[in-house]
């Protein structure tokens, strides 16, 4: 895994090695991440990355949030609770030398407390496939004030999403077994 573009282009992220089977790490591949960011910066939505406040739920290794930061996002909040993932995430963030702009919240993404900061304009969700965890986390983030009106959500899963209250699905893209649903918060 590496950073595809931006001021940290080519930076190799911490290798997963043989990994931990219980950690269920499934980072978004470089190819899919490159396609995703081409959509987010050059697609019909305009450039939603530059200057964005990013919330990366189920952050895992942090590859999505770090790619956004490299491409001009102003701030990234990572939410992760897996021990192995947190270790790798912290190592990846350290390579960016921007602790005031890259924050980690050790928490279950479904149970965030009330947001006391400015809401986020771009969200990434990469929950465990085949579960409702992502929908639960997105609902909680909306209820707790984490999402700005009009924010764009890139929701990664292995199946298309069903309708979500307060979100309008505006696009869906398939990359092999990976499906990205693009939602706008109403």
C-alpha atoms as a PDB file:
ATOM      1  CA  UNK A   1       0.000   0.000   0.000  1.00  0.00           C
ATOM      2  CA  UNK A   2       1.145   3.484  -0.821  1.00  0.00           C
ATOM      3  CA  UNK A   3      -0.146   7.035  -1.078  1.00  0.00           C
ATOM      4  CA  UNK A   4      -1.203   7.527  -4.713  1.00  0.00           C
ATOM      5  CA  UNK A   5      -1.062  11.313  -5.113  1.00  0.00           C
ATOM      6  CA  UNK A   6      -0.542  14.651  -3.390  1.00  0.00           C
ATOM      7  CA  UNK A   7       2.268  15.956  -1.204  1.00  0.00           C
ATOM      8  CA  UNK A   8       3.035  12.451   0.160  1.00  0.00           C
ATOM      9  CA  UNK A   9       2.780  10.725  -3.227  1.00  0.00           C
ATOM     10  CA  UNK A  10       4.615   7.397  -3.291  1.00  0.00           C
ATOM     11  CA  UNK A  11       4.900   7.091   0.504  1.00  0.00           C
ATOM     12  CA  UNK A  12       4.771   3.416   1.426  1.00  0.00           C
ATOM     13  CA  UNK A  13       2.386   2.738   4.264  1.00  0.00           C
ATOM     14  CA  UNK A  14       3.063   0.195   6.988  1.00  0.00           C
ATOM     15  CA  UNK A  15       2.943  -3.305   5.516  1.00  0.00           C
ATOM     16  CA  UNK A  16       0.352  -5.641   6.955  1.00  0.00           C
ATOM     17  CA  UNK A  17       2.598  -8.687   6.829  1.00  0.00           C
ATOM     18  CA  UNK A  18       0.763 -11.901   7.564  1.00  0.00           C
ATOM     19  CA  UNK A  19      -1.660  -9.865   9.671  1.00  0.00           C
ATOM     20  CA  UNK A  20      -3.982 -10.988  12.380  1.00  0.00           C
ATOM     21  CA  UNK A  21      -6.934 -13.076  11.216  1.00  0.00           C
ATOM     22  CA  UNK A  22      -9.123 -11.675  13.973  1.00  0.00           C
ATOM     23  CA  UNK A  23      -8.334  -8.081  12.938  1.00  0.00           C
ATOM     24  CA  UNK A  24     -10.131  -8.605   9.603  1.00  0.00           C
ATOM     25  CA  UNK A  25      -8.014  -5.959   7.905  1.00  0.00           C
ATOM     26  CA  UNK A  26      -9.120  -5.460   4.326  1.00  0.00           C
ATOM     27  CA  UNK A  27      -7.554  -2.206   3.129  1.00  0.00           C
ATOM     28  CA  UNK A  28      -8.886  -0.593  -0.024  1.00  0.00           C
ATOM     29  CA  UNK A  29      -6.447  -1.517  -2.796  1.00  0.00           C
ATOM     30  CA  UNK A  30      -4.275   1.149  -4.429  1.00  0.00           C
ATOM     31  CA  UNK A  31      -6.140   0.727  -7.721  1.00  0.00           C
ATOM     32  CA  UNK A  32      -9.581   1.165  -6.145  1.00  0.00           C
ATOM     33  CA  UNK A  33      -8.363   4.079  -3.997  1.00  0.00           C
ATOM     34  CA  UNK A  34      -6.976   5.816  -7.088  1.00  0.00           C
ATOM     35  CA  UNK A  35     -10.302   5.388  -8.909  1.00  0.00           C
ATOM     36  CA  UNK A  36     -12.223   6.607  -5.863  1.00  0.00           C
ATOM     37  CA  UNK A  37     -10.153   9.774  -5.541  1.00  0.00           C
ATOM     38  CA  UNK A  38     -10.391  10.471  -9.262  1.00  0.00           C
ATOM     39  CA  UNK A  39     -14.172  10.491  -8.769  1.00  0.00           C
ATOM     40  CA  UNK A  40     -13.941  12.663  -5.630  1.00  0.00           C
ATOM     41  CA  UNK A  41     -11.629  15.243  -7.171  1.00  0.00           C
ATOM     42  CA  UNK A  42     -12.372  15.183 -10.878  1.00  0.00           C
ATOM     43  CA  UNK A  43     -15.912  13.815 -11.135  1.00  0.00           C
ATOM     44  CA  UNK A  44     -19.336  15.364 -11.272  1.00  0.00           C
ATOM     45  CA  UNK A  45     -19.149  16.462  -7.612  1.00  0.00           C
ATOM     46  CA  UNK A  46     -16.238  18.821  -8.239  1.00  0.00           C
ATOM     47  CA  UNK A  47     -13.247  18.594  -5.901  1.00  0.00           C
ATOM     48  CA  UNK A  48     -14.702  17.554  -2.534  1.00  0.00           C
ATOM     49  CA  UNK A  49     -11.298  16.639  -1.066  1.00  0.00           C
ATOM     50  CA  UNK A  50      -9.290  19.878  -1.090  1.00  0.00           C
ATOM     51  CA  UNK A  51     -10.021  21.783   2.112  1.00  0.00           C
ATOM     52  CA  UNK A  52     -12.335  19.043   3.438  1.00  0.00           C
ATOM     53  CA  UNK A  53     -12.819  18.045   7.048  1.00  0.00           C
ATOM     54  CA  UNK A  54     -12.725  14.244   6.777  1.00  0.00           C
ATOM     55  CA  UNK A  55     -14.210  11.626   9.087  1.00  0.00           C
ATOM     56  CA  UNK A  56     -12.825   8.139   8.414  1.00  0.00           C
ATOM     57  CA  UNK A  57     -15.076   5.610  10.197  1.00  0.00           C
ATOM     58  CA  UNK A  58     -13.802   2.034  10.499  1.00  0.00           C
ATOM     59  CA  UNK A  59     -10.457   3.578   9.534  1.00  0.00           C
ATOM     60  CA  UNK A  60      -8.397   0.379   9.639  1.00  0.00           C
ATOM     61  CA  UNK A  61      -4.934   1.309   8.349  1.00  0.00           C
ATOM     62  CA  UNK A  62      -6.071   4.877   7.612  1.00  0.00           C
ATOM     63  CA  UNK A  63      -5.286   4.636   3.901  1.00  0.00           C
ATOM     64  CA  UNK A  64      -8.431   6.511   2.784  1.00  0.00           C
ATOM     65  CA  UNK A  65      -8.089   9.383   5.247  1.00  0.00           C
ATOM     66  CA  UNK A  66      -4.338   9.676   4.673  1.00  0.00           C
ATOM     67  CA  UNK A  67      -4.834   9.737   0.907  1.00  0.00           C
ATOM     68  CA  UNK A  68      -7.351  12.569   1.383  1.00  0.00           C
ATOM     69  CA  UNK A  69      -4.897  14.474   3.595  1.00  0.00           C
ATOM     70  CA  UNK A  70      -2.099  14.047   1.055  1.00  0.00           C
ATOM     71  CA  UNK A  71      -4.438  15.464  -1.607  1.00  0.00           C
ATOM     72  CA  UNK A  72      -5.341  18.595   0.350  1.00  0.00           C
ATOM     73  CA  UNK A  73      -7.917  17.775   3.041  1.00  0.00           C
ATOM     74  CA  UNK A  74      -7.410  20.183   5.941  1.00  0.00           C
ATOM     75  CA  UNK A  75      -8.185  17.790   8.819  1.00  0.00           C
ATOM     76  CA  UNK A  76      -8.846  14.055   9.279  1.00  0.00           C
ATOM     77  CA  UNK A  77     -10.464  12.299  12.244  1.00  0.00           C
ATOM     78  CA  UNK A  78      -9.925   8.527  12.220  1.00  0.00           C
ATOM     79  CA  UNK A  79     -12.262   6.298  14.230  1.00  0.00           C
ATOM     80  CA  UNK A  80     -11.065   2.751  14.909  1.00  0.00           C
ATOM     81  CA  UNK A  81     -11.183   0.317  17.814  1.00  0.00           C
ATOM     82  CA  UNK A  82      -9.254  -2.755  16.627  1.00  0.00           C
ATOM     83  CA  UNK A  83      -5.947  -3.278  18.436  1.00  0.00           C
ATOM     84  CA  UNK A  84      -4.011  -4.382  15.347  1.00  0.00           C
ATOM     85  CA  UNK A  85      -5.593  -1.678  13.179  1.00  0.00           C
ATOM     86  CA  UNK A  86      -4.815   1.046  15.714  1.00  0.00           C
ATOM     87  CA  UNK A  87      -1.169   0.005  15.856  1.00  0.00           C
ATOM     88  CA  UNK A  88      -0.819   0.171  12.060  1.00  0.00           C
ATOM     89  CA  UNK A  89      -2.873   3.388  11.862  1.00  0.00           C
ATOM     90  CA  UNK A  90      -0.642   5.149  14.415  1.00  0.00           C
ATOM     91  CA  UNK A  91       2.497   4.112  12.513  1.00  0.00           C
ATOM     92  CA  UNK A  92       1.020   5.408   9.236  1.00  0.00           C
ATOM     93  CA  UNK A  93      -0.022   8.734  10.770  1.00  0.00           C
ATOM     94  CA  UNK A  94       3.439   9.225  12.279  1.00  0.00           C
ATOM     95  CA  UNK A  95       4.903   9.274   8.758  1.00  0.00           C
ATOM     96  CA  UNK A  96       2.890  12.443   8.033  1.00  0.00           C
ATOM     97  CA  UNK A  97       4.266  14.506  10.939  1.00  0.00           C
ATOM     98  CA  UNK A  98       0.996  16.440  11.350  1.00  0.00           C
ATOM     99  CA  UNK A  99      -0.418  15.409  14.758  1.00  0.00           C
ATOM    100  CA  UNK A 100      -2.572  18.531  15.043  1.00  0.00           C
ATOM    101  CA  UNK A 101      -4.327  17.717  11.739  1.00  0.00           C
ATOM    102  CA  UNK A 102      -4.603  13.912  11.949  1.00  0.00           C
ATOM    103  CA  UNK A 103      -6.482  12.679  15.029  1.00  0.00           C
ATOM    104  CA  UNK A 104      -7.330   9.146  16.102  1.00  0.00           C
ATOM    105  CA  UNK A 105     -10.363   8.367  18.203  1.00  0.00           C
ATOM    106  CA  UNK A 106     -10.208   4.877  19.706  1.00  0.00           C
ATOM    107  CA  UNK A 107     -13.874   4.026  19.665  1.00  0.00           C
ATOM    108  CA  UNK A 108     -16.504   1.800  18.128  1.00  0.00           C
ATOM    109  CA  UNK A 109     -17.741   3.852  15.157  1.00  0.00           C
ATOM    110  CA  UNK A 110     -21.351   3.022  16.075  1.00  0.00           C
ATOM    111  CA  UNK A 111     -21.167   4.773  19.445  1.00  0.00           C
ATOM    112  CA  UNK A 112     -19.646   8.207  18.946  1.00  0.00           C
ATOM    113  CA  UNK A 113     -20.368  10.823  21.579  1.00  0.00           C
ATOM    114  CA  UNK A 114     -21.745  14.258  20.728  1.00  0.00           C
ATOM    115  CA  UNK A 115     -19.473  16.176  18.342  1.00  0.00           C
ATOM    116  CA  UNK A 116     -18.181  19.422  19.845  1.00  0.00           C
ATOM    117  CA  UNK A 117     -16.149  20.511  16.817  1.00  0.00           C
ATOM    118  CA  UNK A 118     -17.015  21.682  13.340  1.00  0.00           C
ATOM    119  CA  UNK A 119     -18.932  18.984  11.412  1.00  0.00           C
ATOM    120  CA  UNK A 120     -17.245  16.959   8.688  1.00  0.00           C
ATOM    121  CA  UNK A 121     -17.742  17.548   4.966  1.00  0.00           C
ATOM    122  CA  UNK A 122     -16.401  14.238   3.625  1.00  0.00           C
ATOM    123  CA  UNK A 123     -16.873  10.817   5.204  1.00  0.00           C
ATOM    124  CA  UNK A 124     -15.368   7.440   4.433  1.00  0.00           C
ATOM    125  CA  UNK A 125     -16.932   4.255   5.733  1.00  0.00           C
ATOM    126  CA  UNK A 126     -15.341   0.866   5.205  1.00  0.00           C
ATOM    127  CA  UNK A 127     -17.172  -1.359   7.709  1.00  0.00           C
ATOM    128  CA  UNK A 128     -16.875  -5.139   7.867  1.00  0.00           C
ATOM    129  CA  UNK A 129     -18.639  -6.533   4.820  1.00  0.00           C
ATOM    130  CA  UNK A 130     -21.964  -8.300   5.233  1.00  0.00           C
ATOM    131  CA  UNK A 131     -22.973  -6.408   8.388  1.00  0.00           C
ATOM    132  CA  UNK A 132     -25.200  -3.469   9.298  1.00  0.00           C
ATOM    133  CA  UNK A 133     -22.375  -1.809  11.263  1.00  0.00           C
ATOM    134  CA  UNK A 134     -21.770   0.891   8.645  1.00  0.00           C
ATOM    135  CA  UNK A 135     -25.409   1.958   8.559  1.00  0.00           C
ATOM    136  CA  UNK A 136     -25.491   2.069  12.356  1.00  0.00           C
ATOM    137  CA  UNK A 137     -22.318   4.170  12.480  1.00  0.00           C
ATOM    138  CA  UNK A 138     -23.580   6.578   9.818  1.00  0.00           C
ATOM    139  CA  UNK A 139     -26.891   7.013  11.628  1.00  0.00           C
ATOM    140  CA  UNK A 140     -25.081   7.660  14.925  1.00  0.00           C
ATOM    141  CA  UNK A 141     -22.665  10.170  13.328  1.00  0.00           C
ATOM    142  CA  UNK A 142     -25.622  12.069  11.864  1.00  0.00           C
ATOM    143  CA  UNK A 143     -27.499  12.082  15.195  1.00  0.00           C
ATOM    144  CA  UNK A 144     -24.405  13.267  17.098  1.00  0.00           C
ATOM    145  CA  UNK A 145     -23.629  16.269  14.861  1.00  0.00           C
ATOM    146  CA  UNK A 146     -20.598  14.889  13.026  1.00  0.00           C
ATOM    147  CA  UNK A 147     -21.911  15.424   9.496  1.00  0.00           C
ATOM    148  CA  UNK A 148     -22.347  18.808   7.803  1.00  0.00           C
ATOM    149  CA  UNK A 149     -25.441  19.382   5.654  1.00  0.00           C
ATOM    150  CA  UNK A 150     -24.500  18.541   2.071  1.00  0.00           C
ATOM    151  CA  UNK A 151     -21.533  16.398   3.144  1.00  0.00           C
ATOM    152  CA  UNK A 152     -20.504  13.628   0.761  1.00  0.00           C
ATOM    153  CA  UNK A 153     -20.221  10.070   2.074  1.00  0.00           C
ATOM    154  CA  UNK A 154     -18.215   7.362   0.296  1.00  0.00           C
ATOM    155  CA  UNK A 155     -19.529   4.090   1.716  1.00  0.00           C
ATOM    156  CA  UNK A 156     -17.518   0.975   0.810  1.00  0.00           C
ATOM    157  CA  UNK A 157     -19.194  -2.411   0.935  1.00  0.00           C
ATOM    158  CA  UNK A 158     -19.600  -5.605  -1.053  1.00  0.00           C
ATOM    159  CA  UNK A 159     -23.281  -4.980  -1.897  1.00  0.00           C
ATOM    160  CA  UNK A 160     -25.322  -1.960  -2.959  1.00  0.00           C
ATOM    161  CA  UNK A 161     -26.918  -0.068  -0.068  1.00  0.00           C
ATOM    162  CA  UNK A 162     -30.589   0.096   0.728  1.00  0.00           C
ATOM    163  CA  UNK A 163     -32.173   3.466   1.531  1.00  0.00           C
ATOM    164  CA  UNK A 164     -30.896   5.381   4.564  1.00  0.00           C
ATOM    165  CA  UNK A 165     -32.896   8.089   6.340  1.00  0.00           C
ATOM    166  CA  UNK A 166     -31.499  11.618   5.841  1.00  0.00           C
ATOM    167  CA  UNK A 167     -29.142  10.515   3.053  1.00  0.00           C
ATOM    168  CA  UNK A 168     -29.644  10.634  -0.689  1.00  0.00           C
ATOM    169  CA  UNK A 169     -27.711   8.124  -2.775  1.00  0.00           C
ATOM    170  CA  UNK A 170     -26.360   9.994  -5.793  1.00  0.00           C
ATOM    171  CA  UNK A 171     -24.055   7.423  -7.352  1.00  0.00           C
ATOM    172  CA  UNK A 172     -22.808   3.858  -7.086  1.00  0.00           C
ATOM    173  CA  UNK A 173     -19.599   2.430  -8.531  1.00  0.00           C
ATOM    174  CA  UNK A 174     -18.449  -1.178  -8.731  1.00  0.00           C
ATOM    175  CA  UNK A 175     -14.778  -2.177  -8.592  1.00  0.00           C
ATOM    176  CA  UNK A 176     -14.742  -5.960  -8.776  1.00  0.00           C
ATOM    177  CA  UNK A 177     -16.268  -7.164  -5.489  1.00  0.00           C
ATOM    178  CA  UNK A 178     -16.082  -3.680  -3.971  1.00  0.00           C
ATOM    179  CA  UNK A 179     -19.064  -1.325  -4.240  1.00  0.00           C
ATOM    180  CA  UNK A 180     -18.838   2.380  -3.395  1.00  0.00           C
ATOM    181  CA  UNK A 181     -22.139   4.101  -2.693  1.00  0.00           C
ATOM    182  CA  UNK A 182     -21.971   7.907  -2.743  1.00  0.00           C
ATOM    183  CA  UNK A 183     -24.440   9.627  -0.450  1.00  0.00           C
ATOM    184  CA  UNK A 184     -25.268  13.237   0.388  1.00  0.00           C
ATOM    185  CA  UNK A 185     -26.460  14.208   3.865  1.00  0.00           C
ATOM    186  CA  UNK A 186     -29.731  16.162   3.684  1.00  0.00           C
END
